[in-house]
């Protein structure tokens, strides 16, 4: 679950089909949903 959580966070800004599939897999397996980027003060690489 920790791996899936980190993988999803690193893929939220990834618009490739592979990136989207990582987000979906984490959501399906562990019900990990989207985050509030403003609260996180996230900077995507």
ModelCIF file with pLDDT and N, C-alpha, C, O atoms, coordinates in Angstrom:
data_MODEL
#
_entry.id   MODEL 
#
_entity.id                         1 
_entity.type                       polymer 
_entity.pdbx_number_of_molecules   1 
#
_entity_poly.entity_id                      1 
_entity_poly.type                           'polypeptide(L)' 
_entity_poly.nstd_linkage                   no 
_entity_poly.nstd_monomer                   no 
_entity_poly.pdbx_seq_one_letter_code       
;(UNK)(UNK)(UNK)(UNK)(UNK)(UNK)(UNK)(UNK)(UNK)(UNK)(UNK)(UNK)(UNK)(UNK)(UNK)(UNK)
(UNK)(UNK)(UNK)(UNK)(UNK)(UNK)(UNK)(UNK)(UNK)(UNK)(UNK)(UNK)(UNK)(UNK)(UNK)(UNK)
(UNK)(UNK)(UNK)(UNK)(UNK)(UNK)(UNK)(UNK)(UNK)(UNK)(UNK)(UNK)(UNK)
;
_entity_poly.pdbx_seq_one_letter_code_can   XXXXXXXXXXXXXXXXXXXXXXXXXXXXXXXXXXXXXXXXXXXXX 
_entity_poly.pdbx_strand_id                 A 
#
loop_
_entity_poly_seq.entity_id 
_entity_poly_seq.num 
_entity_poly_seq.mon_id 
_entity_poly_seq.hetero 
1 1  UNK n 
1 2  UNK n 
1 3  UNK n 
1 4  UNK n 
1 5  UNK n 
1 6  UNK n 
1 7  UNK n 
1 8  UNK n 
1 9  UNK n 
1 10 UNK n 
1 11 UNK n 
1 12 UNK n 
1 13 UNK n 
1 14 UNK n 
1 15 UNK n 
1 16 UNK n 
1 17 UNK n 
1 18 UNK n 
1 19 UNK n 
1 20 UNK n 
1 21 UNK n 
1 22 UNK n 
1 23 UNK n 
1 24 UNK n 
1 25 UNK n 
1 26 UNK n 
1 27 UNK n 
1 28 UNK n 
1 29 UNK n 
1 30 UNK n 
1 31 UNK n 
1 32 UNK n 
1 33 UNK n 
1 34 UNK n 
1 35 UNK n 
1 36 UNK n 
1 37 UNK n 
1 38 UNK n 
1 39 UNK n 
1 40 UNK n 
1 41 UNK n 
1 42 UNK n 
1 43 UNK n 
1 44 UNK n 
1 45 UNK n 
#
_struct_asym.id          A 
_struct_asym.entity_id   1 
#
loop_
_ma_qa_metric.id 
_ma_qa_metric.mode 
_ma_qa_metric.name 
_ma_qa_metric.software_group_id 
_ma_qa_metric.type 
1 global pLDDT . pLDDT 
2 local  pLDDT . pLDDT 
#
_ma_qa_metric_global.metric_id      1 
_ma_qa_metric_global.metric_value   80.73 
_ma_qa_metric_global.model_id       1 
_ma_qa_metric_global.ordinal_id     1 
#
loop_
_ma_qa_metric_local.label_asym_id 
_ma_qa_metric_local.label_comp_id 
_ma_qa_metric_local.label_seq_id 
_ma_qa_metric_local.metric_id 
_ma_qa_metric_local.metric_value 
_ma_qa_metric_local.model_id 
_ma_qa_metric_local.ordinal_id 
A UNK 1  2 91.00 1 1  
A UNK 2  2 91.00 1 2  
A UNK 3  2 91.00 1 3  
A UNK 4  2 90.00 1 4  
A UNK 5  2 89.00 1 5  
A UNK 6  2 90.00 1 6  
A UNK 7  2 89.00 1 7  
A UNK 8  2 87.00 1 8  
A UNK 9  2 87.00 1 9  
A UNK 10 2 84.00 1 10 
A UNK 11 2 84.00 1 11 
A UNK 12 2 78.00 1 12 
A UNK 13 2 74.00 1 13 
A UNK 14 2 74.00 1 14 
A UNK 15 2 69.00 1 15 
A UNK 16 2 71.00 1 16 
A UNK 17 2 71.00 1 17 
A UNK 18 2 79.00 1 18 
A UNK 19 2 81.00 1 19 
A UNK 20 2 83.00 1 20 
A UNK 21 2 85.00 1 21 
A UNK 22 2 87.00 1 22 
A UNK 23 2 87.00 1 23 
A UNK 24 2 87.00 1 24 
A UNK 25 2 89.00 1 25 
A UNK 26 2 89.00 1 26 
A UNK 27 2 89.00 1 27 
A UNK 28 2 88.00 1 28 
A UNK 29 2 88.00 1 29 
A UNK 30 2 87.00 1 30 
A UNK 31 2 86.00 1 31 
A UNK 32 2 83.00 1 32 
A UNK 33 2 73.00 1 33 
A UNK 34 2 62.00 1 34 
A UNK 35 2 66.00 1 35 
A UNK 36 2 65.00 1 36 
A UNK 37 2 63.00 1 37 
A UNK 38 2 66.00 1 38 
A UNK 39 2 68.00 1 39 
A UNK 40 2 68.00 1 40 
A UNK 41 2 75.00 1 41 
A UNK 42 2 80.00 1 42 
A UNK 43 2 84.00 1 43 
A UNK 44 2 83.00 1 44 
A UNK 45 2 82.00 1 45 
#
loop_
_atom_site.group_PDB 
_atom_site.id 
_atom_site.type_symbol 
_atom_site.label_atom_id 
_atom_site.label_alt_id 
_atom_site.label_comp_id 
_atom_site.label_asym_id 
_atom_site.label_entity_id 
_atom_site.label_seq_id 
_atom_site.pdbx_PDB_ins_code 
_atom_site.Cartn_x 
_atom_site.Cartn_y 
_atom_site.Cartn_z 
_atom_site.occupancy 
_atom_site.B_iso_or_equiv 
_atom_site.pdbx_formal_charge 
_atom_site.auth_seq_id 
_atom_site.auth_comp_id 
_atom_site.auth_asym_id 
_atom_site.auth_atom_id 
_atom_site.pdbx_PDB_model_num 
ATOM 1   N N  . UNK A 1 1  ? 0.822  -1.212 0.000   1.00 91.00 ? 1  UNK A N  1 
ATOM 2   C CA . UNK A 1 1  ? 0.000  0.000  0.000   1.00 91.00 ? 1  UNK A CA 1 
ATOM 3   C C  . UNK A 1 1  ? 0.858  1.266  0.000   1.00 91.00 ? 1  UNK A C  1 
ATOM 4   O O  . UNK A 1 1  ? 0.546  2.238  -0.687  1.00 91.00 ? 1  UNK A O  1 
ATOM 5   N N  . UNK A 1 2  ? 1.949  1.240  0.785   1.00 91.00 ? 2  UNK A N  1 
ATOM 6   C CA . UNK A 1 2  ? 2.840  2.404  0.816   1.00 91.00 ? 2  UNK A CA 1 
ATOM 7   C C  . UNK A 1 2  ? 3.485  2.636  -0.552  1.00 91.00 ? 2  UNK A C  1 
ATOM 8   O O  . UNK A 1 2  ? 3.631  3.775  -0.995  1.00 91.00 ? 2  UNK A O  1 
ATOM 9   N N  . UNK A 1 3  ? 3.866  1.542  -1.210  1.00 91.00 ? 3  UNK A N  1 
ATOM 10  C CA . UNK A 1 3  ? 4.438  1.655  -2.553  1.00 91.00 ? 3  UNK A CA 1 
ATOM 11  C C  . UNK A 1 3  ? 3.409  2.215  -3.529  1.00 91.00 ? 3  UNK A C  1 
ATOM 12  O O  . UNK A 1 3  ? 3.720  3.089  -4.338  1.00 91.00 ? 3  UNK A O  1 
ATOM 13  N N  . UNK A 1 4  ? 2.168  1.700  -3.446  1.00 90.00 ? 4  UNK A N  1 
ATOM 14  C CA . UNK A 1 4  ? 1.102  2.165  -4.336  1.00 90.00 ? 4  UNK A CA 1 
ATOM 15  C C  . UNK A 1 4  ? 0.802  3.645  -4.103  1.00 90.00 ? 4  UNK A C  1 
ATOM 16  O O  . UNK A 1 4  ? 0.567  4.386  -5.057  1.00 90.00 ? 4  UNK A O  1 
ATOM 17  N N  . UNK A 1 5  ? 0.809  4.081  -2.839  1.00 89.00 ? 5  UNK A N  1 
ATOM 18  C CA . UNK A 1 5  ? 0.539  5.471  -2.501  1.00 89.00 ? 5  UNK A CA 1 
ATOM 19  C C  . UNK A 1 5  ? 1.593  6.396  -3.105  1.00 89.00 ? 5  UNK A C  1 
ATOM 20  O O  . UNK A 1 5  ? 1.263  7.431  -3.685  1.00 89.00 ? 5  UNK A O  1 
ATOM 21  N N  . UNK A 1 6  ? 2.866  6.016  -2.964  1.00 90.00 ? 6  UNK A N  1 
ATOM 22  C CA . UNK A 1 6  ? 3.959  6.829  -3.509  1.00 90.00 ? 6  UNK A CA 1 
ATOM 23  C C  . UNK A 1 6  ? 3.934  6.821  -5.039  1.00 90.00 ? 6  UNK A C  1 
ATOM 24  O O  . UNK A 1 6  ? 4.167  7.842  -5.686  1.00 90.00 ? 6  UNK A O  1 
ATOM 25  N N  . UNK A 1 7  ? 3.648  5.651  -5.596  1.00 89.00 ? 7  UNK A N  1 
ATOM 26  C CA . UNK A 1 7  ? 3.601  5.536  -7.055  1.00 89.00 ? 7  UNK A CA 1 
ATOM 27  C C  . UNK A 1 7  ? 2.495  6.409  -7.630  1.00 89.00 ? 7  UNK A C  1 
ATOM 28  O O  . UNK A 1 7  ? 2.682  7.051  -8.664  1.00 89.00 ? 7  UNK A O  1 
ATOM 29  N N  . UNK A 1 8  ? 1.347  6.435  -6.966  1.00 87.00 ? 8  UNK A N  1 
ATOM 30  C CA . UNK A 1 8  ? 0.240  7.262  -7.453  1.00 87.00 ? 8  UNK A CA 1 
ATOM 31  C C  . UNK A 1 8  ? 0.575  8.741  -7.366  1.00 87.00 ? 8  UNK A C  1 
ATOM 32  O O  . UNK A 1 8  ? 0.312  9.495  -8.302  1.00 87.00 ? 8  UNK A O  1 
ATOM 33  N N  . UNK A 1 9  ? 1.163  9.166  -6.231  1.00 87.00 ? 9  UNK A N  1 
ATOM 34  C CA . UNK A 1 9  ? 1.540  10.569 -6.068  1.00 87.00 ? 9  UNK A CA 1 
ATOM 35  C C  . UNK A 1 9  ? 2.510  11.012 -7.172  1.00 87.00 ? 9  UNK A C  1 
ATOM 36  O O  . UNK A 1 9  ? 2.385  12.113 -7.707  1.00 87.00 ? 9  UNK A O  1 
ATOM 37  N N  . UNK A 1 10 ? 3.471  10.150 -7.506  1.00 84.00 ? 10 UNK A N  1 
ATOM 38  C CA . UNK A 1 10 ? 4.465  10.502 -8.526  1.00 84.00 ? 10 UNK A CA 1 
ATOM 39  C C  . UNK A 1 10 ? 3.877  10.495 -9.936  1.00 84.00 ? 10 UNK A C  1 
ATOM 40  O O  . UNK A 1 10 ? 4.510  10.976 -10.876 1.00 84.00 ? 10 UNK A O  1 
ATOM 41  N N  . UNK A 1 11 ? 2.661  9.947  -10.085 1.00 84.00 ? 11 UNK A N  1 
ATOM 42  C CA . UNK A 1 11 ? 2.057  9.811  -11.418 1.00 84.00 ? 11 UNK A CA 1 
ATOM 43  C C  . UNK A 1 11 ? 0.863  10.729 -11.640 1.00 84.00 ? 11 UNK A C  1 
ATOM 44  O O  . UNK A 1 11 ? 0.278  10.717 -12.722 1.00 84.00 ? 11 UNK A O  1 
ATOM 45  N N  . UNK A 1 12 ? 0.489  11.521 -10.642 1.00 78.00 ? 12 UNK A N  1 
ATOM 46  C CA . UNK A 1 12 ? -0.714 12.344 -10.767 1.00 78.00 ? 12 UNK A CA 1 
ATOM 47  C C  . UNK A 1 12 ? -0.621 13.358 -11.904 1.00 78.00 ? 12 UNK A C  1 
ATOM 48  O O  . UNK A 1 12 ? -1.630 13.705 -12.518 1.00 78.00 ? 12 UNK A O  1 
ATOM 49  N N  . UNK A 1 13 ? 0.583  13.825 -12.176 1.00 74.00 ? 13 UNK A N  1 
ATOM 50  C CA . UNK A 1 13 ? 0.745  14.809 -13.257 1.00 74.00 ? 13 UNK A CA 1 
ATOM 51  C C  . UNK A 1 13 ? 1.230  14.156 -14.545 1.00 74.00 ? 13 UNK A C  1 
ATOM 52  O O  . UNK A 1 13 ? 1.483  14.832 -15.542 1.00 74.00 ? 13 UNK A O  1 
ATOM 53  N N  . UNK A 1 14 ? 1.356  12.832 -14.510 1.00 74.00 ? 14 UNK A N  1 
ATOM 54  C CA . UNK A 1 14 ? 1.832  12.091 -15.687 1.00 74.00 ? 14 UNK A CA 1 
ATOM 55  C C  . UNK A 1 14 ? 0.652  11.811 -16.613 1.00 74.00 ? 14 UNK A C  1 
ATOM 56  O O  . UNK A 1 14 ? -0.215 11.002 -16.281 1.00 74.00 ? 14 UNK A O  1 
ATOM 57  N N  . UNK A 1 15 ? 0.610  12.483 -17.790 1.00 69.00 ? 15 UNK A N  1 
ATOM 58  C CA . UNK A 1 15 ? -0.528 12.349 -18.698 1.00 69.00 ? 15 UNK A CA 1 
ATOM 59  C C  . UNK A 1 15 ? -0.389 11.194 -19.684 1.00 69.00 ? 15 UNK A C  1 
ATOM 60  O O  . UNK A 1 15 ? -1.249 10.998 -20.543 1.00 69.00 ? 15 UNK A O  1 
ATOM 61  N N  . UNK A 1 16 ? 0.698  10.427 -19.557 1.00 71.00 ? 16 UNK A N  1 
ATOM 62  C CA . UNK A 1 16 ? 0.843  9.275  -20.447 1.00 71.00 ? 16 UNK A CA 1 
ATOM 63  C C  . UNK A 1 16 ? -0.130 8.174  -20.032 1.00 71.00 ? 16 UNK A C  1 
ATOM 64  O O  . UNK A 1 16 ? -0.638 8.166  -18.911 1.00 71.00 ? 16 UNK A O  1 
ATOM 65  N N  . UNK A 1 17 ? -0.383 7.236  -20.965 1.00 71.00 ? 17 UNK A N  1 
ATOM 66  C CA . UNK A 1 17 ? -1.283 6.119  -20.652 1.00 71.00 ? 17 UNK A CA 1 
ATOM 67  C C  . UNK A 1 17 ? -0.731 5.282  -19.505 1.00 71.00 ? 17 UNK A C  1 
ATOM 68  O O  . UNK A 1 17 ? -1.491 4.784  -18.674 1.00 71.00 ? 17 UNK A O  1 
ATOM 69  N N  . UNK A 1 18 ? 0.608  5.126  -19.458 1.00 79.00 ? 18 UNK A N  1 
ATOM 70  C CA . UNK A 1 18 ? 1.223  4.354  -18.380 1.00 79.00 ? 18 UNK A CA 1 
ATOM 71  C C  . UNK A 1 18 ? 1.008  5.046  -17.029 1.00 79.00 ? 18 UNK A C  1 
ATOM 72  O O  . UNK A 1 18 ? 0.670  4.402  -16.036 1.00 79.00 ? 18 UNK A O  1 
ATOM 73  N N  . UNK A 1 19 ? 1.211  6.382  -17.011 1.00 81.00 ? 19 UNK A N  1 
ATOM 74  C CA . UNK A 1 19 ? 1.016  7.139  -15.776 1.00 81.00 ? 19 UNK A CA 1 
ATOM 75  C C  . UNK A 1 19 ? -0.408 7.048  -15.274 1.00 81.00 ? 19 UNK A C  1 
ATOM 76  O O  . UNK A 1 19 ? -0.643 6.862  -14.080 1.00 81.00 ? 19 UNK A O  1 
ATOM 77  N N  . UNK A 1 20 ? -1.365 7.180  -16.190 1.00 83.00 ? 20 UNK A N  1 
ATOM 78  C CA . UNK A 1 20 ? -2.787 7.092  -15.796 1.00 83.00 ? 20 UNK A CA 1 
ATOM 79  C C  . UNK A 1 20 ? -3.122 5.704  -15.256 1.00 83.00 ? 20 UNK A C  1 
ATOM 80  O O  . UNK A 1 20 ? -3.931 5.565  -14.339 1.00 83.00 ? 20 UNK A O  1 
ATOM 81  N N  . UNK A 1 21 ? -2.489 4.669  -15.835 1.00 85.00 ? 21 UNK A N  1 
ATOM 82  C CA . UNK A 1 21 ? -2.790 3.299  -15.388 1.00 85.00 ? 21 UNK A CA 1 
ATOM 83  C C  . UNK A 1 21 ? -2.266 3.055  -13.973 1.00 85.00 ? 21 UNK A C  1 
ATOM 84  O O  . UNK A 1 21 ? -2.849 2.264  -13.231 1.00 85.00 ? 21 UNK A O  1 
ATOM 85  N N  . UNK A 1 22 ? -1.168 3.726  -13.586 1.00 87.00 ? 22 UNK A N  1 
ATOM 86  C CA . UNK A 1 22 ? -0.632 3.598  -12.214 1.00 87.00 ? 22 UNK A CA 1 
ATOM 87  C C  . UNK A 1 22 ? -1.615 4.215  -11.218 1.00 87.00 ? 22 UNK A C  1 
ATOM 88  O O  . UNK A 1 22 ? -1.876 3.647  -10.158 1.00 87.00 ? 22 UNK A O  1 
ATOM 89  N N  . UNK A 1 23 ? -2.153 5.378  -11.571 1.00 87.00 ? 23 UNK A N  1 
ATOM 90  C CA . UNK A 1 23 ? -3.134 6.050  -10.715 1.00 87.00 ? 23 UNK A CA 1 
ATOM 91  C C  . UNK A 1 23 ? -4.366 5.173  -10.535 1.00 87.00 ? 23 UNK A C  1 
ATOM 92  O O  . UNK A 1 23 ? -4.882 5.034  -9.426  1.00 87.00 ? 23 UNK A O  1 
ATOM 93  N N  . UNK A 1 24 ? -4.832 4.586  -11.624 1.00 87.00 ? 24 UNK A N  1 
ATOM 94  C CA . UNK A 1 24 ? -6.034 3.747  -11.589 1.00 87.00 ? 24 UNK A CA 1 
ATOM 95  C C  . UNK A 1 24 ? -5.800 2.483  -10.777 1.00 87.00 ? 24 UNK A C  1 
ATOM 96  O O  . UNK A 1 24 ? -6.663 2.077  -9.999  1.00 87.00 ? 24 UNK A O  1 
ATOM 97  N N  . UNK A 1 25 ? -4.626 1.848  -10.952 1.00 89.00 ? 25 UNK A N  1 
ATOM 98  C CA . UNK A 1 25 ? -4.337 0.609  -10.222 1.00 89.00 ? 25 UNK A CA 1 
ATOM 99  C C  . UNK A 1 25 ? -4.302 0.854  -8.714  1.00 89.00 ? 25 UNK A C  1 
ATOM 100 O O  . UNK A 1 25 ? -4.821 0.048  -7.942  1.00 89.00 ? 25 UNK A O  1 
ATOM 101 N N  . UNK A 1 26 ? -3.688 1.970  -8.291  1.00 89.00 ? 26 UNK A N  1 
ATOM 102 C CA . UNK A 1 26 ? -3.642 2.297  -6.855  1.00 89.00 ? 26 UNK A CA 1 
ATOM 103 C C  . UNK A 1 26 ? -5.041 2.547  -6.309  1.00 89.00 ? 26 UNK A C  1 
ATOM 104 O O  . UNK A 1 26 ? -5.347 2.186  -5.172  1.00 89.00 ? 26 UNK A O  1 
ATOM 105 N N  . UNK A 1 27 ? -5.881 3.162  -7.122  1.00 89.00 ? 27 UNK A N  1 
ATOM 106 C CA . UNK A 1 27 ? -7.261 3.444  -6.712  1.00 89.00 ? 27 UNK A CA 1 
ATOM 107 C C  . UNK A 1 27 ? -8.061 2.147  -6.593  1.00 89.00 ? 27 UNK A C  1 
ATOM 108 O O  . UNK A 1 27 ? -8.829 1.970  -5.647  1.00 89.00 ? 27 UNK A O  1 
ATOM 109 N N  . UNK A 1 28 ? -7.875 1.239  -7.559  1.00 88.00 ? 28 UNK A N  1 
ATOM 110 C CA . UNK A 1 28 ? -8.633 -0.012 -7.567  1.00 88.00 ? 28 UNK A CA 1 
ATOM 111 C C  . UNK A 1 28 ? -8.218 -0.949 -6.436  1.00 88.00 ? 28 UNK A C  1 
ATOM 112 O O  . UNK A 1 28 ? -9.066 -1.598 -5.824  1.00 88.00 ? 28 UNK A O  1 
ATOM 113 N N  . UNK A 1 29 ? -6.903 -1.022 -6.154  1.00 88.00 ? 29 UNK A N  1 
ATOM 114 C CA . UNK A 1 29 ? -6.412 -1.979 -5.163  1.00 88.00 ? 29 UNK A CA 1 
ATOM 115 C C  . UNK A 1 29 ? -6.563 -1.483 -3.724  1.00 88.00 ? 29 UNK A C  1 
ATOM 116 O O  . UNK A 1 29 ? -6.870 -2.260 -2.820  1.00 88.00 ? 29 UNK A O  1 
ATOM 117 N N  . UNK A 1 30 ? -6.344 -0.181 -3.523  1.00 87.00 ? 30 UNK A N  1 
ATOM 118 C CA . UNK A 1 30 ? -6.325 0.323  -2.145  1.00 87.00 ? 30 UNK A CA 1 
ATOM 119 C C  . UNK A 1 30 ? -7.251 1.518  -1.928  1.00 87.00 ? 30 UNK A C  1 
ATOM 120 O O  . UNK A 1 30 ? -7.222 2.152  -0.873  1.00 87.00 ? 30 UNK A O  1 
ATOM 121 N N  . UNK A 1 31 ? -8.067 1.819  -2.928  1.00 86.00 ? 31 UNK A N  1 
ATOM 122 C CA . UNK A 1 31 ? -9.014 2.933  -2.832  1.00 86.00 ? 31 UNK A CA 1 
ATOM 123 C C  . UNK A 1 31 ? -8.309 4.251  -2.495  1.00 86.00 ? 31 UNK A C  1 
ATOM 124 O O  . UNK A 1 31 ? -8.841 5.078  -1.755  1.00 86.00 ? 31 UNK A O  1 
ATOM 125 N N  . UNK A 1 32 ? -7.111 4.433  -3.045  1.00 83.00 ? 32 UNK A N  1 
ATOM 126 C CA . UNK A 1 32 ? -6.356 5.672  -2.831  1.00 83.00 ? 32 UNK A CA 1 
ATOM 127 C C  . UNK A 1 32 ? -6.848 6.707  -3.829  1.00 83.00 ? 32 UNK A C  1 
ATOM 128 O O  . UNK A 1 32 ? -6.730 6.510  -5.038  1.00 83.00 ? 32 UNK A O  1 
ATOM 129 N N  . UNK A 1 33 ? -7.394 7.799  -3.338  1.00 73.00 ? 33 UNK A N  1 
ATOM 130 C CA . UNK A 1 33 ? -8.025 8.802  -4.188  1.00 73.00 ? 33 UNK A CA 1 
ATOM 131 C C  . UNK A 1 33 ? -7.104 9.986  -4.437  1.00 73.00 ? 33 UNK A C  1 
ATOM 132 O O  . UNK A 1 33 ? -5.993 10.048 -3.911  1.00 73.00 ? 33 UNK A O  1 
ATOM 133 N N  . UNK A 1 34 ? -7.583 10.924 -5.244  1.00 62.00 ? 34 UNK A N  1 
ATOM 134 C CA . UNK A 1 34 ? -6.816 12.125 -5.577  1.00 62.00 ? 34 UNK A CA 1 
ATOM 135 C C  . UNK A 1 34 ? -6.566 12.978 -4.340  1.00 62.00 ? 34 UNK A C  1 
ATOM 136 O O  . UNK A 1 34 ? -7.324 12.919 -3.372  1.00 62.00 ? 34 UNK A O  1 
ATOM 137 N N  . UNK A 1 35 ? -5.489 13.777 -4.381  1.00 66.00 ? 35 UNK A N  1 
ATOM 138 C CA . UNK A 1 35 ? -5.112 14.611 -3.243  1.00 66.00 ? 35 UNK A CA 1 
ATOM 139 C C  . UNK A 1 35 ? -5.418 16.087 -3.533  1.00 66.00 ? 35 UNK A C  1 
ATOM 140 O O  . UNK A 1 35 ? -5.690 16.484 -4.665  1.00 66.00 ? 35 UNK A O  1 
ATOM 141 N N  . UNK A 1 36 ? -5.360 16.873 -2.458  1.00 65.00 ? 36 UNK A N  1 
ATOM 142 C CA . UNK A 1 36 ? -5.524 18.316 -2.582  1.00 65.00 ? 36 UNK A CA 1 
ATOM 143 C C  . UNK A 1 36 ? -4.136 18.924 -2.795  1.00 65.00 ? 36 UNK A C  1 
ATOM 144 O O  . UNK A 1 36 ? -3.344 19.046 -1.860  1.00 65.00 ? 36 UNK A O  1 
ATOM 145 N N  . UNK A 1 37 ? -3.862 19.304 -4.050  1.00 63.00 ? 37 UNK A N  1 
ATOM 146 C CA . UNK A 1 37 ? -2.526 19.790 -4.385  1.00 63.00 ? 37 UNK A CA 1 
ATOM 147 C C  . UNK A 1 37 ? -2.178 21.103 -3.681  1.00 63.00 ? 37 UNK A C  1 
ATOM 148 O O  . UNK A 1 37 ? -1.019 21.356 -3.355  1.00 63.00 ? 37 UNK A O  1 
ATOM 149 N N  . UNK A 1 38 ? -3.194 21.929 -3.454  1.00 66.00 ? 38 UNK A N  1 
ATOM 150 C CA . UNK A 1 38 ? -2.931 23.215 -2.787  1.00 66.00 ? 38 UNK A CA 1 
ATOM 151 C C  . UNK A 1 38 ? -2.458 22.989 -1.350  1.00 66.00 ? 38 UNK A C  1 
ATOM 152 O O  . UNK A 1 38 ? -1.524 23.638 -0.880  1.00 66.00 ? 38 UNK A O  1 
ATOM 153 N N  . UNK A 1 39 ? -3.115 22.066 -0.670  1.00 68.00 ? 39 UNK A N  1 
ATOM 154 C CA . UNK A 1 39 ? -2.718 21.767 0.710   1.00 68.00 ? 39 UNK A CA 1 
ATOM 155 C C  . UNK A 1 39 ? -1.330 21.121 0.757   1.00 68.00 ? 39 UNK A C  1 
ATOM 156 O O  . UNK A 1 39 ? -0.541 21.374 1.667   1.00 68.00 ? 39 UNK A O  1 
ATOM 157 N N  . UNK A 1 40 ? -1.056 20.288 -0.239  1.00 68.00 ? 40 UNK A N  1 
ATOM 158 C CA . UNK A 1 40 ? 0.235  19.600 -0.273  1.00 68.00 ? 40 UNK A CA 1 
ATOM 159 C C  . UNK A 1 40 ? 1.368  20.527 -0.690  1.00 68.00 ? 40 UNK A C  1 
ATOM 160 O O  . UNK A 1 40 ? 2.538  20.246 -0.433  1.00 68.00 ? 40 UNK A O  1 
ATOM 161 N N  . UNK A 1 41 ? 1.007  21.645 -1.343  1.00 75.00 ? 41 UNK A N  1 
ATOM 162 C CA . UNK A 1 41 ? 2.004  22.555 -1.917  1.00 75.00 ? 41 UNK A CA 1 
ATOM 163 C C  . UNK A 1 41 ? 2.967  21.763 -2.802  1.00 75.00 ? 41 UNK A C  1 
ATOM 164 O O  . UNK A 1 41 ? 4.188  21.871 -2.694  1.00 75.00 ? 41 UNK A O  1 
ATOM 165 N N  . UNK A 1 42 ? 2.358  20.960 -3.685  1.00 80.00 ? 42 UNK A N  1 
ATOM 166 C CA . UNK A 1 42 ? 3.133  20.017 -4.497  1.00 80.00 ? 42 UNK A CA 1 
ATOM 167 C C  . UNK A 1 42 ? 3.837  20.701 -5.659  1.00 80.00 ? 42 UNK A C  1 
ATOM 168 O O  . UNK A 1 42 ? 3.334  21.649 -6.261  1.00 80.00 ? 42 UNK A O  1 
ATOM 169 N N  . UNK A 1 43 ? 5.026  20.177 -5.948  1.00 84.00 ? 43 UNK A N  1 
ATOM 170 C CA . UNK A 1 43 ? 5.794  20.597 -7.120  1.00 84.00 ? 43 UNK A CA 1 
ATOM 171 C C  . UNK A 1 43 ? 6.090  19.343 -7.942  1.00 84.00 ? 43 UNK A C  1 
ATOM 172 O O  . UNK A 1 43 ? 6.844  18.471 -7.511  1.00 84.00 ? 43 UNK A O  1 
ATOM 173 N N  . UNK A 1 44 ? 5.485  19.263 -9.132  1.00 83.00 ? 44 UNK A N  1 
ATOM 174 C CA . UNK A 1 44 ? 5.644  18.057 -9.946  1.00 83.00 ? 44 UNK A CA 1 
ATOM 175 C C  . UNK A 1 44 ? 6.911  18.136 -10.790 1.00 83.00 ? 44 UNK A C  1 
ATOM 176 O O  . UNK A 1 44 ? 7.219  19.172 -11.377 1.00 83.00 ? 44 UNK A O  1 
ATOM 177 N N  . UNK A 1 45 ? 7.622  17.048 -10.838 1.00 82.00 ? 45 UNK A N  1 
ATOM 178 C CA . UNK A 1 45 ? 8.852  16.940 -11.629 1.00 82.00 ? 45 UNK A CA 1 
ATOM 179 C C  . UNK A 1 45 ? 8.511  16.172 -12.910 1.00 82.00 ? 45 UNK A C  1 
ATOM 180 O O  . UNK A 1 45 ? 9.386  15.949 -13.747 1.00 82.00 ? 45 UNK A O  1 
#
